[in-house]
Amino acid sequence: MMDFQVTPDKTRTIELDNGNKLNMTRTDPYGAIVLSLEHGQLPDALKGGSYTSWDQAEKAAKAYKDSRASVVKEIKKK
């Protein structure tokens, strides 16, 4: 019987409320995970950052998504 190994995805994507996509990409099989936007640039706080696990990268992505939501909410109040 052949051994079957599932290769995990190198990229995970989170769709943002504005239609843009936040990508989390593993740079190599043992490498760090970096964040990038499909369109535009990341805020300075996330530029150049890299994460050693998907959990850490997802926490950073969630924090970014939550901060965007609070800014949008603030703008809508005005």
PDB file of N, CA and C in Angstrom:
ATOM      1  N   MET A   1       0.838  -1.180   0.000  1.00  0.00           N
ATOM      2  CA  MET A   1       0.000   0.000   0.000  1.00  0.00           C
ATOM      3  C   MET A   1       0.885   1.247   0.000  1.00  0.00           C
ATOM      4  N   MET A   2       0.496   2.236  -0.758  1.00  0.00           N
ATOM      5  CA  MET A   2       1.274   3.469  -0.852  1.00  0.00           C
ATOM      6  C   MET A   2       0.982   4.383   0.336  1.00  0.00           C
ATOM      7  N   ASP A   3       2.007   5.050   0.795  1.00  0.00           N
ATOM      8  CA  ASP A   3       1.809   6.060   1.834  1.00  0.00           C
ATOM      9  C   ASP A   3       1.242   7.307   1.190  1.00  0.00           C
ATOM     10  N   PHE A   4       0.260   7.881   1.817  1.00  0.00           N
ATOM     11  CA  PHE A   4      -0.365   9.097   1.297  1.00  0.00           C
ATOM     12  C   PHE A   4      -0.057  10.229   2.253  1.00  0.00           C
ATOM     13  N   GLN A   5       0.608  11.249   1.743  1.00  0.00           N
ATOM     14  CA  GLN A   5       0.936  12.403   2.565  1.00  0.00           C
ATOM     15  C   GLN A   5       0.228  13.629   2.014  1.00  0.00           C
ATOM     16  N   VAL A   6      -0.470  14.301   2.863  1.00  0.00           N
ATOM     17  CA  VAL A   6      -1.151  15.523   2.464  1.00  0.00           C
ATOM     18  C   VAL A   6      -0.180  16.681   2.625  1.00  0.00           C
ATOM     19  N   THR A   7      -0.022  17.444   1.558  1.00  0.00           N
ATOM     20  CA  THR A   7       0.828  18.627   1.629  1.00  0.00           C
ATOM     21  C   THR A   7      -0.041  19.803   2.051  1.00  0.00           C
ATOM     22  N   PRO A   8       0.273  20.413   3.182  1.00  0.00           N
ATOM     23  CA  PRO A   8      -0.552  21.543   3.630  1.00  0.00           C
ATOM     24  C   PRO A   8      -0.424  22.728   2.676  1.00  0.00           C
ATOM     25  N   ASP A   9      -1.474  23.515   2.611  1.00  0.00           N
ATOM     26  CA  ASP A   9      -1.457  24.709   1.763  1.00  0.00           C
ATOM     27  C   ASP A   9      -0.351  25.648   2.217  1.00  0.00           C
ATOM     28  N   LYS A  10       0.293  26.282   1.238  1.00  0.00           N
ATOM     29  CA  LYS A  10       1.328  27.262   1.558  1.00  0.00           C
ATOM     30  C   LYS A  10       0.729  28.620   1.863  1.00  0.00           C
ATOM     31  N   THR A  11      -0.506  28.852   1.404  1.00  0.00           N
ATOM     32  CA  THR A  11      -1.144  30.153   1.596  1.00  0.00           C
ATOM     33  C   THR A  11      -2.549  29.981   2.152  1.00  0.00           C
ATOM     34  N   ARG A  12      -2.860  30.794   3.121  1.00  0.00           N
ATOM     35  CA  ARG A  12      -4.230  30.894   3.643  1.00  0.00           C
ATOM     36  C   ARG A  12      -4.676  32.328   3.422  1.00  0.00           C
ATOM     37  N   THR A  13      -5.951  32.505   3.128  1.00  0.00           N
ATOM     38  CA  THR A  13      -6.461  33.828   2.771  1.00  0.00           C
ATOM     39  C   THR A  13      -7.648  34.200   3.646  1.00  0.00           C
ATOM     40  N   ILE A  14      -7.667  35.470   4.050  1.00  0.00           N
ATOM     41  CA  ILE A  14      -8.798  36.033   4.787  1.00  0.00           C
ATOM     42  C   ILE A  14      -9.362  37.158   3.936  1.00  0.00           C
ATOM     43  N   GLU A  15     -10.652  37.078   3.628  1.00  0.00           N
ATOM     44  CA  GLU A  15     -11.278  38.143   2.857  1.00  0.00           C
ATOM     45  C   GLU A  15     -11.687  39.276   3.794  1.00  0.00           C
ATOM     46  N   LEU A  16     -11.311  40.485   3.420  1.00  0.00           N
ATOM     47  CA  LEU A  16     -11.629  41.665   4.218  1.00  0.00           C
ATOM     48  C   LEU A  16     -12.948  42.267   3.759  1.00  0.00           C
ATOM     49  N   ASP A  17     -13.513  43.127   4.594  1.00  0.00           N
ATOM     50  CA  ASP A  17     -14.809  43.721   4.311  1.00  0.00           C
ATOM     51  C   ASP A  17     -14.817  44.611   3.068  1.00  0.00           C
ATOM     52  N   ASN A  18     -13.664  45.073   2.633  1.00  0.00           N
ATOM     53  CA  ASN A  18     -13.597  45.943   1.457  1.00  0.00           C
ATOM     54  C   ASN A  18     -13.338  45.171   0.161  1.00  0.00           C
ATOM     55  N   GLY A  19     -13.336  43.843   0.236  1.00  0.00           N
ATOM     56  CA  GLY A  19     -13.107  43.018  -0.938  1.00  0.00           C
ATOM     57  C   GLY A  19     -11.655  42.627  -1.146  1.00  0.00           C
ATOM     58  N   ASN A  20     -10.744  43.246  -0.410  1.00  0.00           N
ATOM     59  CA  ASN A  20      -9.332  42.901  -0.504  1.00  0.00           C
ATOM     60  C   ASN A  20      -9.098  41.581   0.224  1.00  0.00           C
ATOM     61  N   LYS A  21      -7.945  40.981  -0.004  1.00  0.00           N
ATOM     62  CA  LYS A  21      -7.614  39.715   0.646  1.00  0.00           C
ATOM     63  C   LYS A  21      -6.290  39.843   1.392  1.00  0.00           C
ATOM     64  N   LEU A  22      -6.279  39.331   2.610  1.00  0.00           N
ATOM     65  CA  LEU A  22      -5.078  39.267   3.431  1.00  0.00           C
ATOM     66  C   LEU A  22      -4.532  37.850   3.318  1.00  0.00           C
ATOM     67  N   ASN A  23      -3.340  37.721   2.755  1.00  0.00           N
ATOM     68  CA  ASN A  23      -2.730  36.410   2.541  1.00  0.00           C
ATOM     69  C   ASN A  23      -1.703  36.120   3.620  1.00  0.00           C
ATOM     70  N   MET A  24      -1.708  34.886   4.095  1.00  0.00           N
ATOM     71  CA  MET A  24      -0.685  34.388   5.008  1.00  0.00           C
ATOM     72  C   MET A  24       0.038  33.292   4.235  1.00  0.00           C
ATOM     73  N   THR A  25       1.332  33.488   3.968  1.00  0.00           N
ATOM     74  CA  THR A  25       2.070  32.572   3.101  1.00  0.00           C
ATOM     75  C   THR A  25       3.304  32.020   3.789  1.00  0.00           C
ATOM     76  N   ARG A  26       3.427  30.682   3.761  1.00  0.00           N
ATOM     77  CA  ARG A  26       4.641  30.044   4.286  1.00  0.00           C
ATOM     78  C   ARG A  26       5.697  30.143   3.191  1.00  0.00           C
ATOM     79  N   THR A  27       6.870  30.659   3.551  1.00  0.00           N
ATOM     80  CA  THR A  27       7.889  30.935   2.547  1.00  0.00           C
ATOM     81  C   THR A  27       8.614  29.686   2.062  1.00  0.00           C
ATOM     82  N   ASP A  28       8.699  28.667   2.874  1.00  0.00           N
ATOM     83  CA  ASP A  28       9.252  27.376   2.477  1.00  0.00           C
ATOM     84  C   ASP A  28       8.759  26.345   3.493  1.00  0.00           C
ATOM     85  N   PRO A  29       9.003  25.057   3.270  1.00  0.00           N
ATOM     86  CA  PRO A  29       8.427  24.042   4.178  1.00  0.00           C
ATOM     87  C   PRO A  29       8.746  24.239   5.653  1.00  0.00           C
ATOM     88  N   TYR A  30       9.883  24.834   5.962  1.00  0.00           N
ATOM     89  CA  TYR A  30      10.260  25.038   7.357  1.00  0.00           C
ATOM     90  C   TYR A  30      10.390  26.515   7.697  1.00  0.00           C
ATOM     91  N   GLY A  31       9.922  27.352   6.790  1.00  0.00           N
ATOM     92  CA  GLY A  31      10.137  28.782   6.940  1.00  0.00           C
ATOM     93  C   GLY A  31       9.035  29.499   7.677  1.00  0.00           C
ATOM     94  N   ALA A  32       9.227  30.762   7.742  1.00  0.00           N
ATOM     95  CA  ALA A  32       8.297  31.635   8.442  1.00  0.00           C
ATOM     96  C   ALA A  32       7.069  31.905   7.578  1.00  0.00           C
ATOM     97  N   ILE A  33       6.049  32.385   8.222  1.00  0.00           N
ATOM     98  CA  ILE A  33       4.803  32.761   7.551  1.00  0.00           C
ATOM     99  C   ILE A  33       4.762  34.283   7.522  1.00  0.00           C
ATOM    100  N   VAL A  34       4.512  34.834   6.353  1.00  0.00           N
ATOM    101  CA  VAL A  34       4.462  36.281   6.194  1.00  0.00           C
ATOM    102  C   VAL A  34       3.070  36.704   5.745  1.00  0.00           C
ATOM    103  N   LEU A  35       2.707  37.937   6.082  1.00  0.00           N
ATOM    104  CA  LEU A  35       1.410  38.487   5.700  1.00  0.00           C
ATOM    105  C   LEU A  35       1.584  39.430   4.524  1.00  0.00           C
ATOM    106  N   SER A  36       0.580  39.456   3.647  1.00  0.00           N
ATOM    107  CA  SER A  36       0.579  40.401   2.536  1.00  0.00           C
ATOM    108  C   SER A  36      -0.865  40.655   2.122  1.00  0.00           C
ATOM    109  N   LEU A  37      -1.084  41.798   1.511  1.00  0.00           N
ATOM    110  CA  LEU A  37      -2.395  42.134   0.979  1.00  0.00           C
ATOM    111  C   LEU A  37      -2.391  41.896  -0.523  1.00  0.00           C
ATOM    112  N   GLU A  38      -3.525  41.466  -1.052  1.00  0.00           N
ATOM    113  CA  GLU A  38      -3.618  41.270  -2.499  1.00  0.00           C
ATOM    114  C   GLU A  38      -3.474  42.609  -3.221  1.00  0.00           C
ATOM    115  N   HIS A  39      -4.095  43.652  -2.667  1.00  0.00           N
ATOM    116  CA  HIS A  39      -4.009  45.008  -3.233  1.00  0.00           C
ATOM    117  C   HIS A  39      -3.605  45.975  -2.138  1.00  0.00           C
ATOM    118  N   GLY A  40      -2.568  46.751  -2.384  1.00  0.00           N
ATOM    119  CA  GLY A  40      -2.140  47.741  -1.404  1.00  0.00           C
ATOM    120  C   GLY A  40      -1.034  47.226  -0.509  1.00  0.00           C
ATOM    121  N   GLN A  41      -0.705  48.056   0.475  1.00  0.00           N
ATOM    122  CA  GLN A  41       0.392  47.745   1.384  1.00  0.00           C
ATOM    123  C   GLN A  41      -0.124  47.507   2.795  1.00  0.00           C
ATOM    124  N   LEU A  42       0.586  46.674   3.500  1.00  0.00           N
ATOM    125  CA  LEU A  42       0.285  46.436   4.912  1.00  0.00           C
ATOM    126  C   LEU A  42       0.660  47.661   5.727  1.00  0.00           C
ATOM    127  N   PRO A  43       0.020  47.857   6.885  1.00  0.00           N
ATOM    128  CA  PRO A  43       0.451  48.930   7.773  1.00  0.00           C
ATOM    129  C   PRO A  43       1.870  48.640   8.275  1.00  0.00           C
ATOM    130  N   ASP A  44       2.554  49.698   8.666  1.00  0.00           N
ATOM    131  CA  ASP A  44       3.945  49.571   9.107  1.00  0.00           C
ATOM    132  C   ASP A  44       4.119  48.537  10.219  1.00  0.00           C
ATOM    133  N   ALA A  45       3.128  48.405  11.085  1.00  0.00           N
ATOM    134  CA  ALA A  45       3.233  47.472  12.211  1.00  0.00           C
ATOM    135  C   ALA A  45       3.356  46.017  11.745  1.00  0.00           C
ATOM    136  N   LEU A  46       2.855  45.710  10.556  1.00  0.00           N
ATOM    137  CA  LEU A  46       2.913  44.331  10.066  1.00  0.00           C
ATOM    138  C   LEU A  46       3.963  44.115   8.983  1.00  0.00           C
ATOM    139  N   LYS A  47       4.490  45.191   8.423  1.00  0.00           N
ATOM    140  CA  LYS A  47       5.498  45.053   7.362  1.00  0.00           C
ATOM    141  C   LYS A  47       6.741  44.369   7.909  1.00  0.00           C
ATOM    142  N   GLY A  48       7.260  43.431   7.145  1.00  0.00           N
ATOM    143  CA  GLY A  48       8.496  42.764   7.527  1.00  0.00           C
ATOM    144  C   GLY A  48       8.346  41.737   8.634  1.00  0.00           C
ATOM    145  N   GLY A  49       7.148  41.590   9.160  1.00  0.00           N
ATOM    146  CA  GLY A  49       6.931  40.614  10.220  1.00  0.00           C
ATOM    147  C   GLY A  49       6.865  39.203   9.669  1.00  0.00           C
ATOM    148  N   SER A  50       7.275  38.257  10.462  1.00  0.00           N
ATOM    149  CA  SER A  50       7.147  36.853  10.083  1.00  0.00           C
ATOM    150  C   SER A  50       6.797  36.055  11.333  1.00  0.00           C
ATOM    151  N   TYR A  51       6.104  34.964  11.116  1.00  0.00           N
ATOM    152  CA  TYR A  51       5.556  34.178  12.225  1.00  0.00           C
ATOM    153  C   TYR A  51       5.991  32.729  12.073  1.00  0.00           C
ATOM    154  N   THR A  52       6.246  32.073  13.183  1.00  0.00           N
ATOM    155  CA  THR A  52       6.759  30.710  13.140  1.00  0.00           C
ATOM    156  C   THR A  52       5.663  29.652  13.117  1.00  0.00           C
ATOM    157  N   SER A  53       4.415  30.054  13.357  1.00  0.00           N
ATOM    158  CA  SER A  53       3.314  29.085  13.317  1.00  0.00           C
ATOM    159  C   SER A  53       2.079  29.736  12.705  1.00  0.00           C
ATOM    160  N   TRP A  54       1.202  28.888  12.190  1.00  0.00           N
ATOM    161  CA  TRP A  54      -0.048  29.406  11.627  1.00  0.00           C
ATOM    162  C   TRP A  54      -0.863  30.108  12.705  1.00  0.00           C
ATOM    163  N   ASP A  55      -0.818  29.596  13.925  1.00  0.00           N
ATOM    164  CA  ASP A  55      -1.572  30.200  15.022  1.00  0.00           C
ATOM    165  C   ASP A  55      -1.142  31.645  15.261  1.00  0.00           C
ATOM    166  N   GLN A  56       0.161  31.887  15.286  1.00  0.00           N
ATOM    167  CA  GLN A  56       0.665  33.249  15.489  1.00  0.00           C
ATOM    168  C   GLN A  56       0.281  34.153  14.317  1.00  0.00           C
ATOM    169  N   ALA A  57       0.403  33.639  13.100  1.00  0.00           N
ATOM    170  CA  ALA A  57       0.056  34.435  11.921  1.00  0.00           C
ATOM    171  C   ALA A  57      -1.429  34.769  11.916  1.00  0.00           C
ATOM    172  N   GLU A  58      -2.267  33.808  12.288  1.00  0.00           N
ATOM    173  CA  GLU A  58      -3.714  34.043  12.323  1.00  0.00           C
ATOM    174  C   GLU A  58      -4.089  35.053  13.408  1.00  0.00           C
ATOM    175  N   LYS A  59      -3.386  35.047  14.533  1.00  0.00           N
ATOM    176  CA  LYS A  59      -3.638  36.048  15.582  1.00  0.00           C
ATOM    177  C   LYS A  59      -3.316  37.450  15.074  1.00  0.00           C
ATOM    178  N   ALA A  60      -2.190  37.589  14.363  1.00  0.00           N
ATOM    179  CA  ALA A  60      -1.809  38.893  13.809  1.00  0.00           C
ATOM    180  C   ALA A  60      -2.821  39.328  12.746  1.00  0.00           C
ATOM    181  N   ALA A  61      -3.267  38.394  11.925  1.00  0.00           N
ATOM    182  CA  ALA A  61      -4.250  38.706  10.885  1.00  0.00           C
ATOM    183  C   ALA A  61      -5.577  39.130  11.509  1.00  0.00           C
ATOM    184  N   LYS A  62      -5.983  38.444  12.569  1.00  0.00           N
ATOM    185  CA  LYS A  62      -7.236  38.793  13.252  1.00  0.00           C
ATOM    186  C   LYS A  62      -7.130  40.178  13.884  1.00  0.00           C
ATOM    187  N   ALA A  63      -5.985  40.481  14.493  1.00  0.00           N
ATOM    188  CA  ALA A  63      -5.792  41.800  15.091  1.00  0.00           C
ATOM    189  C   ALA A  63      -5.872  42.887  14.025  1.00  0.00           C
ATOM    190  N   TYR A  64      -5.284  42.630  12.860  1.00  0.00           N
ATOM    191  CA  TYR A  64      -5.345  43.589  11.753  1.00  0.00           C
ATOM    192  C   TYR A  64      -6.792  43.777  11.293  1.00  0.00           C
ATOM    193  N   LYS A  65      -7.503  42.670  11.131  1.00  0.00           N
ATOM    194  CA  LYS A  65      -8.899  42.725  10.680  1.00  0.00           C
ATOM    195  C   LYS A  65      -9.765  43.468  11.705  1.00  0.00           C
ATOM    196  N   ASP A  66      -9.553  43.197  12.989  1.00  0.00           N
ATOM    197  CA  ASP A  66     -10.321  43.870  14.042  1.00  0.00           C
ATOM    198  C   ASP A  66     -10.023  45.368  14.084  1.00  0.00           C
ATOM    199  N   SER A  67      -8.758  45.743  13.892  1.00  0.00           N
ATOM    200  CA  SER A  67      -8.409  47.168  13.917  1.00  0.00           C
ATOM    201  C   SER A  67      -9.040  47.897  12.732  1.00  0.00           C
ATOM    202  N   ARG A  68      -9.107  47.236  11.590  1.00  0.00           N
ATOM    203  CA  ARG A  68      -9.771  47.828  10.418  1.00  0.00           C
ATOM    204  C   ARG A  68     -11.253  48.043  10.710  1.00  0.00           C
ATOM    205  N   ALA A  69     -11.884  47.059  11.343  1.00  0.00           N
ATOM    206  CA  ALA A  69     -13.313  47.157  11.654  1.00  0.00           C
ATOM    207  C   ALA A  69     -13.589  48.319  12.598  1.00  0.00           C
ATOM    208  N   SER A  70     -12.722  48.529  13.580  1.00  0.00           N
ATOM    209  CA  SER A  70     -12.952  49.626  14.522  1.00  0.00           C
ATOM    210  C   SER A  70     -12.774  50.974  13.839  1.00  0.00           C
ATOM    211  N   VAL A  71     -11.831  51.074  12.900  1.00  0.00           N
ATOM    212  CA  VAL A  71     -11.637  52.326  12.161  1.00  0.00           C
ATOM    213  C   VAL A  71     -12.842  52.607  11.278  1.00  0.00           C
ATOM    214  N   VAL A  72     -13.343  51.593  10.597  1.00  0.00           N
ATOM    215  CA  VAL A  72     -14.522  51.756   9.742  1.00  0.00           C
ATOM    216  C   VAL A  72     -15.729  52.169  10.576  1.00  0.00           C
ATOM    217  N   LYS A  73     -15.877  51.569  11.745  1.00  0.00           N
ATOM    218  CA  LYS A  73     -16.989  51.914  12.635  1.00  0.00           C
ATOM    219  C   LYS A  73     -16.894  53.375  13.068  1.00  0.00           C
ATOM    220  N   GLU A  74     -15.693  53.829  13.400  1.00  0.00           N
ATOM    221  CA  GLU A  74     -15.467  55.206  13.822  1.00  0.00           C
ATOM    222  C   GLU A  74     -15.801  56.184  12.687  1.00  0.00           C
ATOM    223  N   ILE A  75     -15.390  55.856  11.472  1.00  0.00           N
ATOM    224  CA  ILE A  75     -15.672  56.709  10.322  1.00  0.00           C
ATOM    225  C   ILE A  75     -17.176  56.798  10.071  1.00  0.00           C
ATOM    226  N   LYS A  76     -17.883  55.691  10.214  1.00  0.00           N
ATOM    227  CA  LYS A  76     -19.327  55.684   9.971  1.00  0.00           C
ATOM    228  C   LYS A  76     -20.084  56.495  11.000  1.00  0.00           C
ATOM    229  N   LYS A  77     -19.540  56.651  12.221  1.00  0.00           N
ATOM    230  CA  LYS A  77     -20.201  57.446  13.261  1.00  0.00           C
ATOM    231  C   LYS A  77     -20.220  58.924  12.938  1.00  0.00           C
ATOM    232  N   LYS A  78     -19.226  59.380  12.203  1.00  0.00           N
ATOM    233  CA  LYS A  78     -19.079  60.820  11.927  1.00  0.00           C
ATOM    234  C   LYS A  78     -20.060  61.282  10.898  1.00  0.00           C
TER     235      LYS A  78
END
